Protein backbone atom coordinates (compact mmCIF):
# COMPACT_ATOMS: atom_id res chain seq x y z
CA MET A 1 -14.83 15.65 12.91
CA ALA A 2 -12.11 12.98 12.84
CA ARG A 3 -12.48 10.03 10.52
CA GLU A 4 -12.25 6.67 12.26
CA PHE A 5 -10.00 4.29 10.34
CA GLN A 6 -9.83 0.52 10.60
CA ARG A 7 -6.83 -1.64 9.80
CA GLY A 8 -6.09 -1.48 6.07
CA HIS A 9 -7.99 1.75 5.40
CA LYS A 10 -6.23 4.33 3.22
CA ALA A 11 -6.94 7.90 2.12
CA LYS A 12 -5.26 10.80 0.40
CA ILE A 13 -3.93 13.41 2.81
CA SER A 14 -5.59 16.08 0.66
CA ASP A 15 -8.96 14.41 1.33
CA LEU A 16 -8.35 14.65 5.07
CA THR A 17 -6.91 18.16 5.26
CA PRO A 18 -5.50 20.80 2.89
CA GLY A 19 -2.58 21.35 5.25
CA THR A 20 0.87 19.79 4.93
CA ASP A 21 2.22 20.67 8.40
CA LEU A 22 0.85 17.83 10.50
CA TYR A 23 0.95 16.56 14.07
CA VAL A 24 1.11 12.76 14.51
CA GLY A 25 0.30 11.39 17.95
CA VAL A 26 0.71 7.80 19.16
CA GLN A 27 -0.83 6.41 22.34
CA ILE A 28 0.23 2.94 23.47
CA ALA A 29 0.67 1.58 26.99
CA ALA A 30 0.71 -1.64 29.01
CA PRO A 31 1.32 -2.34 32.70
CA GLY A 32 5.02 -2.77 33.39
CA LEU A 33 6.09 -2.23 29.76
CA THR A 34 7.96 0.61 28.09
CA PHE A 35 7.85 1.37 24.37
CA ASP A 36 10.16 2.83 21.73
CA ILE A 37 8.14 4.75 19.14
CA SER A 38 10.03 5.56 15.94
CA CYS A 39 9.59 6.77 12.36
CA PHE A 40 11.40 5.19 9.42
CA GLY A 41 11.92 7.31 6.30
CA LEU A 42 12.05 4.77 3.45
CA ASP A 43 13.04 5.09 -0.20
CA ALA A 44 11.19 3.87 -3.31
CA ASN A 45 12.26 0.29 -2.50
CA GLU A 46 10.87 0.67 1.03
CA GLN A 47 14.37 0.49 2.46
CA LEU A 48 16.12 2.72 5.00
CA SER A 49 18.88 3.78 2.60
CA ASP A 50 19.73 6.92 4.58
CA ASP A 51 20.12 6.43 8.34
CA ARG A 52 19.50 10.14 8.94
CA TYR A 53 15.81 9.43 8.34
CA PHE A 54 15.52 6.92 11.16
CA ILE A 55 13.82 9.21 13.71
CA PHE A 56 13.99 7.83 17.25
CA PHE A 57 15.02 8.82 20.80
CA ASN A 58 18.70 9.17 19.84
CA GLN A 59 18.08 11.05 16.56
CA PRO A 60 15.05 13.30 17.07
CA LYS A 61 14.84 14.98 13.67
CA SER A 62 15.74 14.61 10.00
CA PRO A 63 18.39 16.86 8.40
CA GLU A 64 15.91 19.38 6.95
CA GLU A 65 13.59 18.95 9.97
CA SER A 66 10.71 17.64 7.87
CA VAL A 67 10.18 14.95 10.56
CA GLN A 68 10.70 15.82 14.23
CA LEU A 69 10.26 13.78 17.41
CA LEU A 70 8.42 15.92 19.96
CA GLY A 71 7.93 13.72 23.01
CA ALA A 72 4.93 12.84 25.15
CA GLN A 73 2.17 15.48 25.32
CA ALA A 74 -1.59 15.96 25.16
CA GLY A 75 -2.23 12.38 26.28
CA ASP A 76 -0.01 10.92 23.54
CA THR A 77 2.80 8.53 24.49
CA GLU A 78 4.89 10.02 21.66
CA SER A 79 4.29 12.68 19.04
CA PHE A 80 5.87 13.86 15.81
CA ARG A 81 5.73 16.89 13.59
CA VAL A 82 5.63 16.03 9.86
CA THR A 83 5.97 18.72 7.18
CA LEU A 84 5.10 16.91 3.96
CA ASP A 85 6.17 19.66 1.54
CA ARG A 86 9.70 19.62 3.03
CA ILE A 87 10.30 15.87 2.73
CA PRO A 88 13.05 15.24 0.13
CA ALA A 89 12.24 13.48 -3.11
CA ASN A 90 14.15 10.31 -2.22
CA ILE A 91 11.82 9.58 0.73
CA HIS A 92 8.66 7.79 -0.43
CA LYS A 93 7.25 6.47 2.84
CA LEU A 94 7.19 7.37 6.54
CA SER A 95 6.46 4.29 8.65
CA PHE A 96 5.49 4.89 12.29
CA THR A 97 6.27 1.94 14.56
CA ALA A 98 6.13 0.96 18.23
CA THR A 99 8.39 -1.66 19.80
CA ILE A 100 8.61 -3.09 23.32
CA ASP A 101 11.79 -2.18 25.18
CA GLY A 102 12.55 -5.40 27.04
CA ALA A 103 10.38 -8.46 27.62
CA GLY A 104 6.69 -8.50 26.81
CA GLN A 105 4.16 -9.04 24.04
CA MET A 106 1.90 -6.73 22.07
CA SER A 107 -1.10 -8.74 23.24
CA GLN A 108 -0.62 -7.08 26.64
CA VAL A 109 -1.24 -3.51 25.42
CA GLY A 110 -4.46 -1.71 26.21
CA PRO A 111 -6.51 0.43 23.83
CA GLY A 112 -4.22 2.68 21.77
CA TYR A 113 -4.26 4.78 18.63
CA ILE A 114 -2.33 6.75 16.04
CA ARG A 115 -3.89 10.05 15.03
CA ILE A 116 -3.25 12.96 12.67
CA VAL A 117 -4.01 16.54 13.66
CA ALA A 118 -4.00 19.54 11.32
CA GLY A 119 -4.81 23.12 12.19
CA GLY A 120 -5.57 22.18 15.77
CA GLU A 121 -8.23 19.67 14.71
CA GLU A 122 -7.95 15.89 14.70
CA VAL A 123 -8.68 14.68 11.17
CA VAL A 124 -8.12 10.92 11.38
CA ARG A 125 -7.63 8.29 14.09
CA TYR A 126 -6.82 4.59 13.87
CA ALA A 127 -7.55 2.78 17.14
CA PHE A 128 -6.25 -0.68 18.09
CA THR A 129 -6.18 -3.03 21.08
CA GLY A 130 -3.95 -5.83 22.30
CA SER A 131 -6.53 -8.43 21.26
CA GLU A 132 -5.45 -7.85 17.64
CA PHE A 133 -1.95 -9.21 18.38
CA THR A 134 -0.39 -12.30 19.95
CA THR A 135 3.33 -12.78 20.64
CA GLU A 136 4.60 -9.86 18.54
CA ARG A 137 7.03 -7.42 20.14
CA ALA A 138 6.65 -4.67 17.54
CA VAL A 139 3.84 -3.21 15.48
CA MET A 140 3.77 -1.05 12.35
CA LEU A 141 1.01 1.42 13.19
CA GLY A 142 0.54 3.64 10.14
CA ASP A 143 2.27 4.92 7.00
CA PHE A 144 2.49 8.15 5.09
CA TYR A 145 3.28 6.97 1.56
CA LEU A 146 3.77 8.74 -1.77
CA LYS A 147 1.63 7.39 -4.60
CA ASP A 148 1.39 10.37 -7.00
CA VAL A 149 0.28 12.31 -3.87
CA TRP A 150 0.86 11.75 -0.16
CA ARG A 151 -1.56 9.28 1.43
CA PHE A 152 -2.11 7.73 4.85
CA ALA A 153 -2.67 4.02 5.56
CA ALA A 154 -3.69 2.42 8.85
CA VAL A 155 -1.43 -0.66 8.99
CA GLY A 156 -1.70 -2.28 12.44
CA GLN A 157 0.62 -5.11 11.41
CA GLY A 158 2.35 -7.04 14.23
CA PHE A 159 6.01 -7.94 13.85
CA ASP A 160 8.04 -10.54 15.76
CA GLY A 161 11.22 -9.15 17.26
CA GLY A 162 12.05 -5.79 18.79
CA LEU A 163 13.49 -2.57 17.41
CA ASP A 164 16.63 -4.31 16.12
CA ALA A 165 14.58 -6.84 14.12
CA LEU A 166 12.36 -4.07 12.76
CA LEU A 167 15.45 -2.12 11.72
CA LYS A 168 16.79 -5.14 9.85
CA ASN A 169 13.39 -5.58 8.20
CA PHE A 170 13.75 -2.13 6.66
CA GLY A 171 17.20 -2.92 5.30
CA GLY A 172 19.38 -1.69 8.14
CA GLU A 173 22.12 -3.27 10.18
CA VAL A 174 22.39 -3.09 13.96
CA ALA A 175 25.76 -1.79 15.11
CA GLU A 176 27.45 -2.70 18.35
CA GLU A 177 26.54 -0.42 21.25
CA GLN A 178 29.33 2.09 21.90
CA PRO A 179 29.68 4.28 24.97
CA ALA A 180 28.81 7.85 24.10
CA ALA A 181 28.51 11.09 25.97
CA GLN A 182 25.07 12.03 27.22
CA GLN A 183 23.30 14.02 24.52
CA PRO A 184 22.26 17.46 25.79
CA GLN A 185 18.54 17.94 25.98
CA GLY A 186 17.40 20.66 23.60
CA ALA A 187 14.30 22.76 23.89
CA ALA A 188 11.08 21.22 22.60
CA PRO A 189 9.71 22.60 19.31
CA SER A 190 7.73 25.74 19.91
CA PHE A 191 4.24 24.42 19.41
CA ALA A 192 1.74 22.48 21.51
CA PRO A 193 -0.58 19.68 20.41
CA PRO A 194 -4.25 20.44 19.87
CA ALA A 195 -7.00 20.06 22.48
CA GLN A 196 -4.66 21.27 25.21
CA ALA A 197 -3.36 24.68 24.17
CA THR A 198 -5.41 27.80 24.97
CA ALA A 199 -5.59 28.55 21.27
CA PRO A 200 -5.10 25.92 18.55
CA PRO A 201 -1.60 25.81 17.05
CA ALA A 202 -1.24 27.23 13.56
CA PHE A 203 -0.67 23.86 11.87
CA GLY A 204 0.28 24.32 8.27
CA ALA A 205 1.58 27.88 8.67
CA PRO A 206 4.80 28.69 6.80
CA ALA A 207 7.96 28.35 8.81
CA ALA A 208 9.12 31.52 10.54
CA PRO A 209 12.59 32.96 9.90
CA GLN A 210 15.31 31.29 11.87
CA MET A 211 15.52 33.59 14.86
CA PRO A 212 14.57 33.23 18.53
CA GLN A 213 10.83 33.31 19.06
CA ALA A 214 9.37 35.64 21.68
CA PRO A 215 7.07 33.92 24.20
CA GLN A 216 3.50 33.74 22.94
CA PRO A 217 0.27 33.03 24.84
CA ALA A 218 -0.77 30.47 22.20
CA PRO A 219 2.23 28.61 20.71
CA SER A 220 2.42 28.14 16.97
CA PHE A 221 4.61 26.36 14.48
CA GLY A 222 7.96 27.99 14.03
CA THR A 223 11.52 26.99 13.38
CA PRO A 224 12.95 25.39 16.55
CA PRO A 225 15.90 27.24 18.13
CA ALA A 226 19.18 26.19 16.57
CA PRO A 227 21.15 24.06 19.05
CA ALA A 228 24.70 25.04 19.94
CA PRO A 229 27.25 23.42 17.63
CA ALA A 230 28.35 20.19 19.27
CA PRO A 231 29.47 16.83 17.91
CA ALA A 232 26.47 14.55 18.00
CA PRO A 233 27.03 11.02 19.31
CA ALA A 234 26.97 8.26 16.78
CA PRO A 235 23.53 6.64 16.45
CA ALA A 236 23.19 3.24 18.01
CA HIS A 237 21.95 1.88 14.69
CA ASN A 238 23.77 2.26 11.38
CA PRO A 239 21.38 1.04 8.69
CA GLN A 240 22.68 0.20 5.26
CA MET A 241 21.11 -1.15 2.11
CA HIS A 242 21.15 -4.86 1.39
CA ALA A 243 19.20 -7.18 -0.80
CA ALA A 244 17.28 -8.97 1.94
CA PRO A 245 13.55 -9.22 1.20
CA THR A 246 11.20 -7.33 3.46
CA ILE A 247 7.55 -7.81 4.29
CA ALA A 248 6.74 -4.43 2.79
CA ALA A 249 8.74 -4.26 -0.45
CA PRO A 250 9.39 -6.34 -3.57
CA MET A 251 12.65 -8.25 -3.55
CA THR A 252 15.63 -7.37 -5.72
CA PRO A 253 15.85 -9.68 -8.77
CA PRO A 254 19.00 -11.64 -9.59
CA GLY A 255 21.70 -9.82 -11.45
CA GLY A 256 22.68 -7.03 -9.12
CA THR A 257 21.21 -3.82 -7.87
CA VAL A 258 18.40 -2.34 -9.93
CA PRO A 259 17.61 1.41 -9.84
CA PRO A 260 14.51 2.14 -7.75
CA PRO A 261 11.33 1.95 -9.85
CA PRO A 262 9.28 5.16 -10.19
CA ALA A 263 6.37 5.61 -7.82
CA PRO A 264 3.27 3.99 -9.35
CA SER A 265 0.72 6.42 -10.73
CA PRO A 266 -3.04 6.12 -10.20
CA TYR A 267 -4.63 3.29 -12.08
CA GLY A 268 -5.24 4.21 -15.66
CA GLN A 269 -3.02 7.28 -16.16
CA PRO A 270 -1.22 7.17 -19.52
CA PRO A 271 2.35 8.00 -18.34
CA GLN A 272 2.42 4.83 -16.22
CA GLN A 273 0.81 2.43 -18.72
CA PRO A 274 3.51 -0.27 -18.39
CA GLN A 275 2.76 -0.51 -14.66
CA TYR A 276 -0.67 -2.02 -15.28
CA GLY A 277 -0.56 -5.79 -15.06
CA GLN A 278 2.63 -5.91 -13.00
CA VAL A 279 3.08 -6.44 -9.29
CA PRO A 280 3.95 -3.00 -7.85
CA GLY A 281 7.72 -2.58 -7.97
CA GLN A 282 8.19 -5.81 -9.94
CA VAL A 283 10.88 -5.85 -12.58
CA PRO A 284 9.59 -7.15 -15.96
CA GLY A 285 10.37 -10.80 -16.39
CA GLN A 286 10.68 -11.41 -12.64
CA LEU A 287 8.38 -13.78 -10.77
CA ALA A 288 6.64 -12.20 -7.81
CA GLY A 289 8.50 -13.15 -4.67
CA GLN A 290 11.69 -14.24 -6.51
CA PRO A 291 14.62 -13.57 -4.14
CA GLY A 292 17.57 -11.45 -5.16
CA GLN A 293 21.23 -12.26 -4.91
CA VAL A 294 22.81 -11.52 -1.57
CA PRO A 295 26.24 -9.84 -1.79
CA PRO A 296 29.02 -11.43 0.23
CA GLY A 297 29.04 -10.26 3.82
CA ALA A 298 25.43 -9.02 3.77
CA PRO A 299 22.79 -10.60 6.01
CA ALA A 300 20.96 -13.44 4.35
CA PRO A 301 17.20 -13.15 3.66
CA TYR A 302 14.89 -14.30 6.42
CA GLY A 303 14.62 -18.10 6.46
CA GLN A 304 17.71 -18.61 4.28
CA GLN A 305 21.31 -19.41 5.07
CA ALA A 306 24.11 -17.07 4.10
CA PRO A 307 25.82 -17.62 0.71
CA ALA A 308 29.27 -19.14 0.42
CA PRO A 309 32.08 -16.88 1.69
CA TYR A 310 33.89 -14.74 -0.83
CA GLY A 311 36.35 -16.76 -2.84
CA GLN A 312 34.48 -20.05 -2.46
CA GLN A 313 32.59 -21.22 -5.49
CA GLN A 314 29.00 -22.43 -5.27
CA PRO A 315 28.41 -25.88 -6.81
CA ALA A 316 27.37 -25.77 -10.44
CA GLY A 317 23.65 -25.34 -10.99
CA MET A 318 23.01 -24.15 -7.41
CA PRO A 319 21.24 -20.79 -7.03
CA GLN A 320 23.24 -18.24 -5.08
CA GLY A 321 22.13 -17.97 -1.46
CA VAL A 322 20.98 -21.61 -1.22
CA PRO A 323 22.89 -23.77 1.27
CA GLN A 324 24.78 -26.72 -0.14
CA ALA A 325 22.99 -29.19 2.10
CA GLY A 326 19.65 -30.16 0.62
CA ALA A 327 20.01 -27.63 -2.19
CA GLY A 328 17.89 -29.57 -4.66
CA LEU A 329 14.54 -29.21 -2.92
CA GLN A 330 15.17 -25.73 -1.57
CA ALA A 331 16.40 -24.45 -4.93
CA ALA A 332 13.33 -25.81 -6.68
CA LEU A 333 10.81 -24.27 -4.26
CA GLN A 334 12.51 -21.01 -3.34
CA PRO A 335 11.23 -18.90 -6.32
CA TYR A 336 7.61 -19.81 -5.52
CA ARG A 337 7.44 -19.07 -1.80
CA GLU A 338 4.59 -16.98 -0.43
CA THR A 339 5.09 -13.24 -0.81
CA PRO A 340 3.93 -11.36 2.32
CA THR A 341 3.98 -7.55 2.08
CA GLY A 342 1.96 -6.36 5.05
CA GLN A 343 -0.88 -5.28 2.73
CA ARG A 344 -4.48 -6.50 2.58
CA TRP A 345 -4.24 -7.58 -1.08
CA THR A 346 -0.97 -9.18 -2.24
CA PRO A 347 -0.33 -10.62 -5.73
CA GLN A 348 1.64 -13.85 -5.36
CA ASN A 349 2.23 -13.94 -9.10
CA GLN A 350 0.29 -12.82 -12.16
CA GLN A 351 -2.39 -15.48 -11.71
CA LEU A 352 -2.71 -15.82 -7.90
CA MET A 353 -3.99 -13.25 -5.38
CA ARG A 354 -3.87 -13.38 -1.58
CA VAL A 355 -6.22 -11.36 0.64
CA ASP A 356 -5.57 -10.98 4.37
CA LEU A 357 -8.98 -10.78 6.06
CA THR A 358 -7.43 -9.75 9.39
CA MET A 359 -6.41 -6.42 7.85
CA GLY A 360 -9.34 -4.07 7.58
CA GLY A 361 -11.71 -6.41 9.40
CA THR A 362 -14.21 -6.40 6.53
CA PRO A 363 -15.33 -9.46 4.49
CA VAL A 364 -14.53 -10.03 0.85
CA LEU A 365 -16.93 -11.04 -1.92
CA ALA A 366 -15.33 -13.41 -4.43
CA ARG A 367 -16.49 -15.44 -7.41
CA GLN A 368 -17.77 -18.84 -6.36
CA GLY A 369 -15.12 -21.54 -6.74
CA SER A 370 -12.21 -19.09 -6.98
CA MET A 371 -10.66 -20.11 -3.63
CA VAL A 372 -7.62 -22.32 -4.12
CA MET A 373 -6.27 -22.30 -0.54
CA TYR A 374 -6.79 -20.53 2.78
CA GLN A 375 -5.11 -20.25 6.18
CA GLY A 376 -6.66 -19.41 9.54
CA LYS A 377 -10.27 -19.33 10.64
CA VAL A 378 -12.18 -18.32 7.52
CA ASP A 379 -15.90 -18.76 6.93
CA PHE A 380 -17.28 -19.14 3.40
CA SER A 381 -20.97 -18.49 2.80
CA TYR A 382 -23.24 -18.01 -0.16
CA LYS A 383 -23.87 -14.39 -1.12
CA GLY A 384 -27.26 -14.12 -2.79
CA ALA A 385 -28.30 -11.20 -4.97
CA GLY A 386 -31.95 -11.38 -3.95
CA PHE A 387 -34.92 -11.86 -6.22
CA ALA A 388 -34.63 -8.41 -7.81
CA GLY A 389 -30.89 -8.83 -8.28
CA ARG A 390 -31.33 -12.17 -10.04
CA ILE A 391 -33.93 -10.66 -12.36
CA VAL A 392 -31.63 -7.76 -13.26
CA GLY A 393 -28.62 -10.04 -13.62
CA ASN A 394 -30.40 -12.45 -15.94
CA ALA A 395 -31.81 -9.61 -18.03
CA THR A 396 -28.53 -7.73 -18.41
CA GLY A 397 -25.97 -10.54 -18.40
CA GLN A 398 -24.25 -8.95 -15.38
CA GLU A 399 -25.13 -11.58 -12.81
CA MET A 400 -22.29 -12.53 -10.43
CA GLN A 401 -22.29 -15.80 -8.49
CA LEU A 402 -20.51 -14.71 -5.30
CA MET A 403 -19.34 -16.17 -2.01
CA ARG A 404 -18.66 -14.18 1.16
CA CYS A 405 -15.27 -14.73 2.82
CA SER A 406 -15.07 -13.56 6.45
CA GLY A 407 -13.06 -14.30 9.59
CA ARG A 408 -9.37 -14.04 10.41
CA GLY A 409 -6.95 -15.56 7.94
CA GLN A 410 -5.61 -15.44 4.41
CA VAL A 411 -7.48 -16.58 1.30
CA PHE A 412 -5.77 -17.33 -2.03
CA LEU A 413 -7.88 -16.67 -5.14
CA ALA A 414 -7.43 -17.58 -8.81
CA GLU A 415 -9.50 -18.63 -11.82
CA ASN A 416 -8.37 -20.55 -14.89
CA GLY A 417 -4.91 -18.97 -14.91
CA ALA A 418 -6.28 -15.50 -15.74
CA HIS A 419 -4.06 -12.49 -15.08
CA LEU A 420 -5.17 -10.66 -11.91
CA HIS A 421 -4.90 -6.96 -11.15
CA THR A 422 -5.85 -5.03 -7.99
CA ILE A 423 -7.59 -1.66 -8.45
CA GLU A 424 -7.73 0.52 -5.36
CA LEU A 425 -10.66 2.92 -5.26
CA GLN A 426 -10.48 6.01 -3.05
CA GLY A 427 -13.96 7.47 -3.43
CA ASP A 428 -13.87 7.21 -7.23
CA GLY A 429 -15.48 4.66 -9.55
CA ILE A 430 -14.71 2.19 -12.32
CA CYS A 431 -16.88 0.24 -14.76
CA VAL A 432 -16.03 -3.44 -15.22
CA SER A 433 -17.95 -6.23 -16.89
CA ALA A 434 -19.14 -8.82 -14.36
CA GLU A 435 -17.28 -11.46 -16.38
CA ASN A 436 -13.97 -9.74 -15.55
CA VAL A 437 -14.50 -9.40 -11.77
CA LEU A 438 -12.83 -11.96 -9.49
CA ALA A 439 -13.27 -10.40 -6.02
CA PHE A 440 -13.83 -7.10 -4.23
CA ASP A 441 -14.15 -5.63 -0.74
CA GLU A 442 -17.66 -5.79 0.66
CA THR A 443 -17.41 -2.08 1.48
CA LEU A 444 -17.64 -1.19 -2.24
CA GLN A 445 -20.97 -0.30 -3.79
CA HIS A 446 -21.79 -1.98 -7.11
CA GLU A 447 -24.69 -1.65 -9.51
CA VAL A 448 -25.60 -2.45 -13.12
CA ARG A 449 -25.12 0.50 -15.49
CA ARG A 450 -26.70 0.81 -18.93
CA ILE A 451 -24.67 1.84 -21.99
CA GLU A 452 -26.86 3.82 -24.34
CA GLY A 453 -26.65 3.51 -28.10
CA HIS A 454 -28.33 2.41 -31.30
CA GLY A 455 -25.57 0.43 -32.98
CA ILE A 456 -27.04 -3.03 -32.32
CA PRO A 457 -30.52 -4.45 -31.98
CA GLY A 458 -31.89 -3.62 -28.54
CA GLY A 459 -29.96 -0.35 -28.44
CA ALA A 460 -27.97 -0.93 -25.23
CA LEU A 461 -25.33 -2.92 -23.38
CA PHE A 462 -24.73 -3.26 -19.65
CA THR A 463 -21.78 -3.24 -17.26
CA MET A 464 -21.06 -3.20 -13.50
CA MET A 465 -19.99 0.04 -11.83
CA PHE A 466 -17.97 -0.13 -8.58
CA SER A 467 -17.56 2.94 -6.37
CA GLY A 468 -16.53 3.89 -2.85
CA THR A 469 -13.39 3.00 -0.88
CA GLY A 470 -11.87 -0.44 -1.28
CA THR A 471 -10.24 -2.81 -3.75
CA VAL A 472 -11.62 -4.72 -6.72
CA VAL A 473 -9.65 -7.53 -8.39
CA VAL A 474 -10.02 -7.62 -12.18
CA LYS A 475 -9.06 -10.62 -14.30
CA THR A 476 -7.91 -10.45 -17.91
CA HIS A 477 -6.74 -12.77 -20.67
CA GLY A 478 -3.09 -11.78 -21.01
CA VAL A 479 -1.47 -8.48 -20.07
CA PRO A 480 -3.84 -5.57 -20.84
CA VAL A 481 -3.07 -2.06 -22.02
CA VAL A 482 -4.41 1.18 -20.52
CA LEU A 483 -5.22 3.97 -22.97
CA PRO A 484 -6.31 7.56 -22.36
CA VAL A 485 -9.74 8.59 -23.56
CA THR A 486 -9.68 10.98 -26.52
CA PRO A 487 -12.51 12.24 -28.78
CA THR A 488 -11.64 9.49 -31.27
CA THR A 489 -11.21 6.51 -28.93
CA PHE A 490 -13.04 3.34 -30.00
CA ALA A 491 -12.74 -0.18 -28.60
CA ASP A 492 -14.18 -3.55 -29.51
CA CYS A 493 -16.93 -4.33 -27.02
CA ASN A 494 -15.63 -7.91 -26.76
CA ALA A 495 -12.07 -6.84 -25.84
CA VAL A 496 -12.59 -3.88 -23.50
CA VAL A 497 -12.23 -4.81 -19.81
CA ALA A 498 -12.86 -1.64 -17.83
CA TRP A 499 -13.03 2.13 -18.03
CA SER A 500 -13.23 5.10 -15.70
CA ALA A 501 -16.74 5.76 -14.42
CA ALA A 502 -16.58 9.40 -15.54
CA SER A 503 -16.18 8.42 -19.19
CA GLN A 504 -19.13 8.79 -21.55
CA VAL A 505 -19.69 5.53 -23.45
CA ILE A 506 -21.95 5.05 -26.46
CA LEU A 507 -22.42 2.24 -28.95
CA SER A 508 -21.14 2.91 -32.43
CA SER A 509 -21.50 0.96 -35.68
CA GLN A 510 -18.70 1.46 -38.16
CA VAL A 511 -20.16 -0.88 -40.80
CA ARG A 512 -23.59 -0.50 -42.34
CA LEU A 513 -25.92 -3.40 -41.67
CA ARG A 514 -26.63 -3.97 -45.36
CA ARG A 515 -22.97 -4.86 -45.90
CA ASN A 516 -23.30 -7.80 -43.56
CA ALA A 517 -25.06 -9.72 -46.29
CA TYR A 518 -21.90 -9.74 -48.38
CA PRO A 519 -19.08 -12.18 -47.68
CA GLY A 520 -15.69 -10.77 -46.82
CA HIS A 521 -16.78 -7.87 -44.64
CA SER A 522 -14.48 -6.83 -41.72
CA GLY A 523 -16.63 -8.38 -39.00
CA GLU A 524 -16.03 -5.33 -36.76
CA THR A 525 -19.62 -4.13 -36.81
CA VAL A 526 -20.09 -2.84 -33.25
CA ASN A 527 -17.67 -0.73 -31.22
CA LEU A 528 -17.77 1.31 -28.04
CA GLN A 529 -16.93 4.98 -28.40
CA PHE A 530 -15.42 6.71 -25.33
CA ARG A 531 -15.49 10.39 -24.55
CA GLY A 532 -14.41 12.28 -21.46
CA ALA A 533 -12.18 14.87 -19.87
CA PRO A 534 -8.41 14.32 -19.61
CA GLY A 535 -7.58 11.69 -17.00
CA ASN A 536 -10.23 9.20 -18.11
CA PHE A 537 -9.01 5.83 -19.38
CA ILE A 538 -9.99 2.47 -20.83
CA VAL A 539 -8.44 -0.98 -20.28
CA VAL A 540 -8.28 -3.39 -23.22
CA GLN A 541 -7.06 -6.99 -23.13
CA PRO A 542 -5.35 -8.82 -26.03
CA TYR A 543 -8.30 -11.20 -26.32
CA GLU A 544 -11.90 -11.10 -27.56
CA VAL A 545 -14.53 -12.81 -25.47
């Protein structure tokens, strides 16, 4: 049975299907409108650095045929074949988009969807309607993205401008249209979409040897016939890398091109410890949203004027890329502009978090008084814990005073300049003290968990455990460190922030109580001891509550 996704929902591909040979179908239509449906293969910086991975009507497949454009079939306006285990290592995201060819707006479209089919069975579907958009002429429907493993995200993000503007957004440049010979129409790949073939296609089967396939009653995946050697016409679009910021990737910091950062690992894994506490893709020492330098001749970032031509010197003290007229105000405010990324949760800097309530369509529970600004039609209401919840919260010290944020708009959250970190849960769990929780998706389940032990009077401590699918925002004093759990891992109970829910935690006393009567003892009388299988972790802040 297919899983129904809403905007902003994400899941591992392995949780949806064990197969890697997938069918992606897109259905979108509106009276009198035609659509261009494309796939962008992006690098670690979410840029189209290789134009061979822009899959559209004039370039129907990637070089190794890991992504193929199949055409309309089985009720889908457009369809693709994606073979995840054949995608090269430099491609970190596949973004499926739809743009209007000509005049029109996305608000005119009827009910549509993007779906994934594996083994002849639909495993996930994200449905949308025109009421979710206004004057946009393009929409980013869904992404396959690599975050330690391949995952799928339902995006549903509208975008002003057509295919050319979307291409520029991903770091490409639109070339002038050149007359070219009509491209010969090749045979369609030898497989049919599910729910229409007599027998389901063998999605996920290994590719057959490269030889002509005999006609079969039920088509299956196989290598498409090799086309006759012929010079292919030049693509209409020749993307190239530039330093312009995008709505889906961090901007390049000043100082030149920086090698692409490694793909972030799951929260808490030891090899990626420095990633914790940083905005994803952020270079250390760079403010979130700080624009990069634009090389001469490259398009200027959106909303900025182009830098001075080559050979002309910028006035002293003026940041590169800022126009000479009115440079004082613009230069002062430019590093602190809002950072949109097309995601539900977006760190604006280390102390400020933005949540887009229109993505996902589910409310957010946040600590009372943590809202510093909001845009759009947002409703704030008191979220009570109930009589039983207040009793438990008062007894355990894990009571959270929450407000419910709902509607359509963006809410900015912060508290006392604390460092904020988003933790995305995909069916797993994490334990966090209520004192360290700023906000979380209402879809998450949370409960008070008891920590057993005999190290202190009363014999127990308490914490909050969050589980399910969604995001929780954790606040810390300073930049924390993530450590793997080993048989000899101890942490001060006043400094530990969070730990994996699968870890076993017990109270431990390293100093005998009778020594407390003597002056000069260490003062470290009570610790938490952590045990667990490899992969478990703890998060410790450089501060004791």
